[in-house]
Amino acid sequence: MTELWPRLGLAPATVAYRVLEGEPAQLAVAARTKHPQMTYAATGGRRIGETGVRQLAEAVRANAEDFGYPYEVDTADLVRFDRVAAETVHKTMNITAVEAGTRGVWSFLSVVAMPDITQWRFPNRNVERWIATDLTRHMFARLWWQATTFVVVTEAGHDYSLLRSLSESDLNQITERRSIAGVTPLARSIARVALDLGSTDSRRAVFREAVPRLRRLMAFVDFATLSDDQLDDRVRSVFGAAASAVRGPA
């Protein structure tokens, strides 16, 4: 049975966010597994209580500790944490896309259950990382959706190797463009093809050129109906043309 996680509405989440102060170690003490104003969806699954919230928080903190939490670390370690934490969040939260699209679920995790992790990962206090107004930028929502988009389900289980291979720039180029990220097979194909382009810097330039071309093509081609091989052929052709345009005349 799918799960229903606690939700915290915009107003109480904003109030909770504004009173959070201190370093990650201090915020860990303030972390809670419930909130007096939290709610659940009325139907659709099994409600996750305090034990489930605690288990997720402990698992994510264990991931963070492997990369230097609660101390300040460099960006590379934070990105590596993201990849591991995305798997943990995705595996632990057995939720539907509808539940994952509910902003209050993610606001609860960031400001109530794991404010210390949010502060450690994003010390600049950008409110979008805390209050889930944009799911592609929220601390935990983006991790779940990244894992959902790029996981490959096999007979042996869930394969996250494609996600692990992508740089932060790659992910941003794909997931922050909703018209593309919303077609999961296309997003995966772009990731597969992009990894063959070489360094992250070269991929970034090609991405910028290729994405508008793909968007134009989406008006005429239903990418969701194509096989993986057909998708890869189409995407490879677009990226090849984009790479040539970036290089300029020979």
Protein backbone atom coordinates (compact mmCIF):
# COMPACT_ATOMS: atom_id res chain seq x y z
CA MET A 1 0.00 0.00 0.00
CA THR A 2 1.25 3.46 -0.83
CA GLU A 3 1.95 5.90 1.96
CA LEU A 4 0.55 9.24 3.07
CA TRP A 5 3.06 11.53 4.75
CA PRO A 6 2.43 14.45 7.10
CA ARG A 7 1.75 17.78 5.41
CA LEU A 8 2.34 21.30 6.62
CA GLY A 9 0.51 24.14 4.90
CA LEU A 10 2.17 27.27 3.60
CA ALA A 11 1.27 29.52 6.55
CA PRO A 12 2.42 27.23 9.40
CA ALA A 13 5.48 26.17 7.40
CA THR A 14 6.48 29.80 6.92
CA VAL A 15 6.06 30.50 10.64
CA ALA A 16 8.14 27.44 11.51
CA TYR A 17 10.83 28.47 9.04
CA ARG A 18 11.12 31.99 10.44
CA VAL A 19 11.83 30.83 13.98
CA LEU A 20 14.56 28.38 12.97
CA GLU A 21 17.98 29.75 13.84
CA GLY A 22 21.42 28.31 14.42
CA GLU A 23 23.93 25.90 12.99
CA PRO A 24 22.97 22.41 11.77
CA ALA A 25 23.91 20.79 15.09
CA GLN A 26 21.60 23.20 16.93
CA LEU A 27 18.76 22.66 14.48
CA ALA A 28 19.07 18.90 14.91
CA VAL A 29 17.92 19.42 18.49
CA ALA A 30 14.91 21.38 17.20
CA ALA A 31 13.90 18.63 14.75
CA ARG A 32 10.54 17.00 15.43
CA THR A 33 8.52 14.09 14.09
CA LYS A 34 5.16 15.89 14.30
CA HIS A 35 3.64 19.37 14.24
CA PRO A 36 0.38 20.54 15.84
CA GLN A 37 -0.87 21.85 12.49
CA MET A 38 0.16 18.97 10.27
CA THR A 39 -2.48 17.16 8.23
CA TYR A 40 -2.80 14.12 5.97
CA ALA A 41 -4.62 13.35 2.75
CA ALA A 42 -8.05 11.96 3.60
CA THR A 43 -7.63 8.77 1.57
CA GLY A 44 -5.19 7.00 -0.70
CA GLY A 45 -2.82 5.05 1.48
CA ARG A 46 -1.36 4.26 4.88
CA ARG A 47 -0.56 7.21 7.11
CA ILE A 48 3.07 7.50 8.18
CA GLY A 49 3.40 8.36 11.85
CA GLU A 50 6.26 9.51 14.02
CA THR A 51 8.19 6.26 13.71
CA GLY A 52 8.27 6.47 9.92
CA VAL A 53 9.29 10.12 9.96
CA ARG A 54 12.06 9.35 12.46
CA GLN A 55 13.38 6.46 10.37
CA LEU A 56 13.62 8.64 7.26
CA ALA A 57 15.32 11.46 9.15
CA GLU A 58 17.84 9.09 10.73
CA ALA A 59 18.64 7.51 7.37
CA VAL A 60 19.19 10.88 5.69
CA ARG A 61 21.35 12.10 8.60
CA ALA A 62 23.44 8.95 8.29
CA ASN A 63 23.94 9.77 4.60
CA ALA A 64 24.93 13.33 5.50
CA GLU A 65 27.41 12.18 8.13
CA ASP A 66 29.24 10.22 5.45
CA PHE A 67 29.91 13.55 3.70
CA GLY A 68 30.91 15.69 6.67
CA TYR A 69 27.65 16.69 8.37
CA PRO A 70 27.20 18.75 10.54
CA TYR A 71 30.36 20.61 9.54
CA GLU A 72 30.86 22.88 6.55
CA VAL A 73 32.04 20.97 3.48
CA ASP A 74 32.77 21.81 -0.13
CA THR A 75 30.20 21.78 -2.91
CA ALA A 76 31.43 18.50 -4.38
CA ASP A 77 30.65 16.67 -1.13
CA LEU A 78 27.20 18.26 -0.98
CA VAL A 79 26.44 17.09 -4.51
CA ARG A 80 27.62 13.58 -3.69
CA PHE A 81 25.34 13.65 -0.65
CA ASP A 82 22.43 14.63 -2.90
CA ARG A 83 22.87 11.55 -5.06
CA VAL A 84 22.93 9.19 -2.09
CA ALA A 85 20.11 10.97 -0.25
CA ALA A 86 17.94 10.90 -3.37
CA GLU A 87 18.09 7.11 -3.31
CA THR A 88 17.32 7.02 0.41
CA VAL A 89 14.33 9.34 0.13
CA HIS A 90 12.98 7.51 -2.91
CA LYS A 91 13.37 4.05 -1.39
CA THR A 92 11.96 5.06 1.99
CA MET A 93 8.94 7.07 0.83
CA ASN A 94 6.53 4.74 -0.95
CA ILE A 95 4.40 7.54 -2.35
CA THR A 96 2.51 8.25 -5.55
CA ALA A 97 3.30 11.12 -7.89
CA VAL A 98 0.14 12.83 -6.61
CA GLU A 99 1.40 12.72 -3.02
CA ALA A 100 4.86 13.82 -4.18
CA GLY A 101 3.26 16.77 -5.92
CA THR A 102 1.81 18.01 -2.64
CA ARG A 103 3.99 20.87 -1.43
CA GLY A 104 3.09 20.45 2.23
CA VAL A 105 4.69 17.00 2.39
CA TRP A 106 8.07 18.45 1.53
CA SER A 107 7.74 21.58 3.67
CA PHE A 108 7.07 19.32 6.67
CA LEU A 109 10.29 17.40 6.07
CA SER A 110 12.46 20.49 5.65
CA VAL A 111 11.21 22.70 8.47
CA VAL A 112 9.97 20.12 11.00
CA ALA A 113 11.64 16.73 10.52
CA MET A 114 15.07 17.71 9.15
CA PRO A 115 15.77 21.46 9.44
CA ASP A 116 19.39 20.63 10.29
CA ILE A 117 19.90 18.82 6.99
CA THR A 118 18.28 21.63 5.04
CA GLN A 119 20.51 24.22 6.72
CA TRP A 120 23.63 22.11 6.22
CA ARG A 121 22.91 21.50 2.53
CA PHE A 122 21.80 25.07 1.78
CA PRO A 123 23.38 27.41 4.35
CA ASN A 124 22.38 30.54 2.40
CA ARG A 125 18.81 30.15 3.73
CA ASN A 126 17.12 30.45 0.34
CA VAL A 127 13.44 30.10 1.27
CA GLU A 128 12.72 27.94 -1.81
CA ARG A 129 14.89 25.22 -0.29
CA TRP A 130 12.70 25.21 2.82
CA ILE A 131 9.17 26.08 1.73
CA ALA A 132 8.06 23.95 -1.20
CA THR A 133 6.89 26.57 -3.66
CA ASP A 134 9.01 25.14 -6.51
CA LEU A 135 9.45 21.38 -6.25
CA THR A 136 12.48 21.40 -8.55
CA ARG A 137 14.36 23.57 -6.05
CA HIS A 138 13.12 22.31 -2.69
CA MET A 139 15.59 20.45 -0.49
CA PHE A 140 13.80 17.09 -0.46
CA ALA A 141 11.21 17.32 -3.25
CA ARG A 142 13.89 17.69 -5.91
CA LEU A 143 15.70 14.58 -4.62
CA TRP A 144 12.60 12.39 -4.80
CA TRP A 145 11.69 13.62 -8.25
CA GLN A 146 15.24 13.21 -9.53
CA ALA A 147 15.31 9.62 -8.33
CA THR A 148 11.86 8.92 -9.75
CA THR A 149 12.83 10.36 -13.12
CA PHE A 150 16.13 8.55 -13.58
CA VAL A 151 15.68 5.25 -11.73
CA VAL A 152 15.49 2.16 -13.91
CA VAL A 153 13.39 -0.66 -12.49
CA THR A 154 14.89 -4.07 -13.20
CA GLU A 155 14.20 -7.61 -12.04
CA ALA A 156 16.99 -7.14 -9.51
CA GLY A 157 15.43 -3.98 -8.09
CA HIS A 158 15.93 -0.25 -8.56
CA ASP A 159 18.98 0.87 -10.53
CA TYR A 160 20.07 4.44 -9.74
CA SER A 161 23.33 4.36 -11.71
CA LEU A 162 22.06 6.83 -14.33
CA LEU A 163 21.26 9.38 -11.62
CA ARG A 164 24.63 8.85 -9.96
CA SER A 165 26.41 9.60 -13.24
CA LEU A 166 24.82 13.02 -13.78
CA SER A 167 26.42 16.26 -12.65
CA GLU A 168 24.43 18.96 -10.86
CA SER A 169 24.45 20.99 -14.05
CA ASP A 170 23.08 18.04 -16.03
CA LEU A 171 20.24 17.58 -13.57
CA ASN A 172 19.35 21.25 -13.57
CA GLN A 173 19.30 21.35 -17.36
CA ILE A 174 16.80 18.48 -17.44
CA THR A 175 14.67 18.66 -14.30
CA GLU A 176 14.14 22.42 -14.18
CA ARG A 177 12.57 22.32 -17.66
CA ARG A 178 9.13 20.93 -16.89
CA SER A 179 8.13 20.26 -20.48
CA ILE A 180 11.06 17.86 -20.73
CA ALA A 181 11.22 16.47 -17.20
CA GLY A 182 7.49 15.74 -17.40
CA VAL A 183 8.15 13.12 -20.09
CA THR A 184 10.17 10.64 -18.07
CA PRO A 185 11.36 8.44 -20.97
CA LEU A 186 12.61 11.55 -22.77
CA ALA A 187 14.42 12.82 -19.67
CA ARG A 188 16.18 9.48 -19.28
CA SER A 189 17.14 9.42 -22.93
CA ILE A 190 18.62 12.91 -22.69
CA ALA A 191 20.64 11.79 -19.68
CA ARG A 192 21.97 8.73 -21.50
CA VAL A 193 22.95 10.71 -24.58
CA ALA A 194 24.40 13.63 -22.61
CA LEU A 195 26.80 11.37 -20.74
CA ASP A 196 28.48 10.57 -24.07
CA LEU A 197 29.27 14.24 -24.71
CA GLY A 198 32.38 14.47 -22.58
CA SER A 199 33.11 17.00 -19.85
CA THR A 200 30.45 18.83 -17.87
CA ASP A 201 31.48 22.18 -19.36
CA SER A 202 31.04 20.98 -22.93
CA ARG A 203 27.71 19.35 -22.06
CA ARG A 204 26.39 22.59 -20.59
CA ALA A 205 26.87 24.50 -23.84
CA VAL A 206 25.34 21.72 -25.92
CA PHE A 207 22.38 21.46 -23.54
CA ARG A 208 21.60 25.14 -23.97
CA GLU A 209 21.51 24.69 -27.73
CA ALA A 210 19.72 21.33 -27.75
CA VAL A 211 16.84 22.02 -25.36
CA PRO A 212 15.05 24.61 -27.55
CA ARG A 213 15.41 22.23 -30.49
CA LEU A 214 13.82 19.41 -28.49
CA ARG A 215 10.98 21.65 -27.37
CA ARG A 216 10.18 22.54 -30.96
CA LEU A 217 10.28 18.87 -31.92
CA MET A 218 7.88 17.98 -29.10
CA ALA A 219 5.12 19.82 -30.97
CA PHE A 220 5.28 17.16 -33.68
CA VAL A 221 6.60 14.01 -31.96
CA ASP A 222 5.04 12.18 -29.01
CA PHE A 223 8.22 11.07 -27.28
CA ALA A 224 6.27 9.08 -24.68
CA THR A 225 5.26 6.54 -27.35
CA LEU A 226 8.78 5.78 -28.59
CA SER A 227 10.97 2.89 -27.49
CA ASP A 228 14.24 3.61 -25.70
CA ASP A 229 16.21 2.93 -28.88
CA GLN A 230 13.99 5.23 -30.92
CA LEU A 231 14.24 7.93 -28.27
CA ASP A 232 18.00 7.69 -28.10
CA ASP A 233 18.25 7.94 -31.90
CA ARG A 234 16.08 11.07 -31.96
CA VAL A 235 17.82 12.72 -29.02
CA ARG A 236 21.28 11.81 -30.31
CA SER A 237 20.43 13.46 -33.63
CA VAL A 238 19.28 16.65 -31.90
CA PHE A 239 22.31 16.78 -29.64
CA GLY A 240 24.62 16.09 -32.57
CA ALA A 241 23.19 19.06 -34.45
CA ALA A 242 23.44 21.18 -31.31
CA ALA A 243 27.07 20.19 -30.78
CA SER A 244 27.87 21.18 -34.36
CA ALA A 245 26.18 24.54 -33.85
CA VAL A 246 28.17 25.14 -30.67
CA ARG A 247 31.44 24.33 -32.40
CA GLY A 248 30.61 26.62 -35.31
CA PRO A 249 31.87 26.36 -38.91
CA ALA A 250 34.87 24.11 -39.43
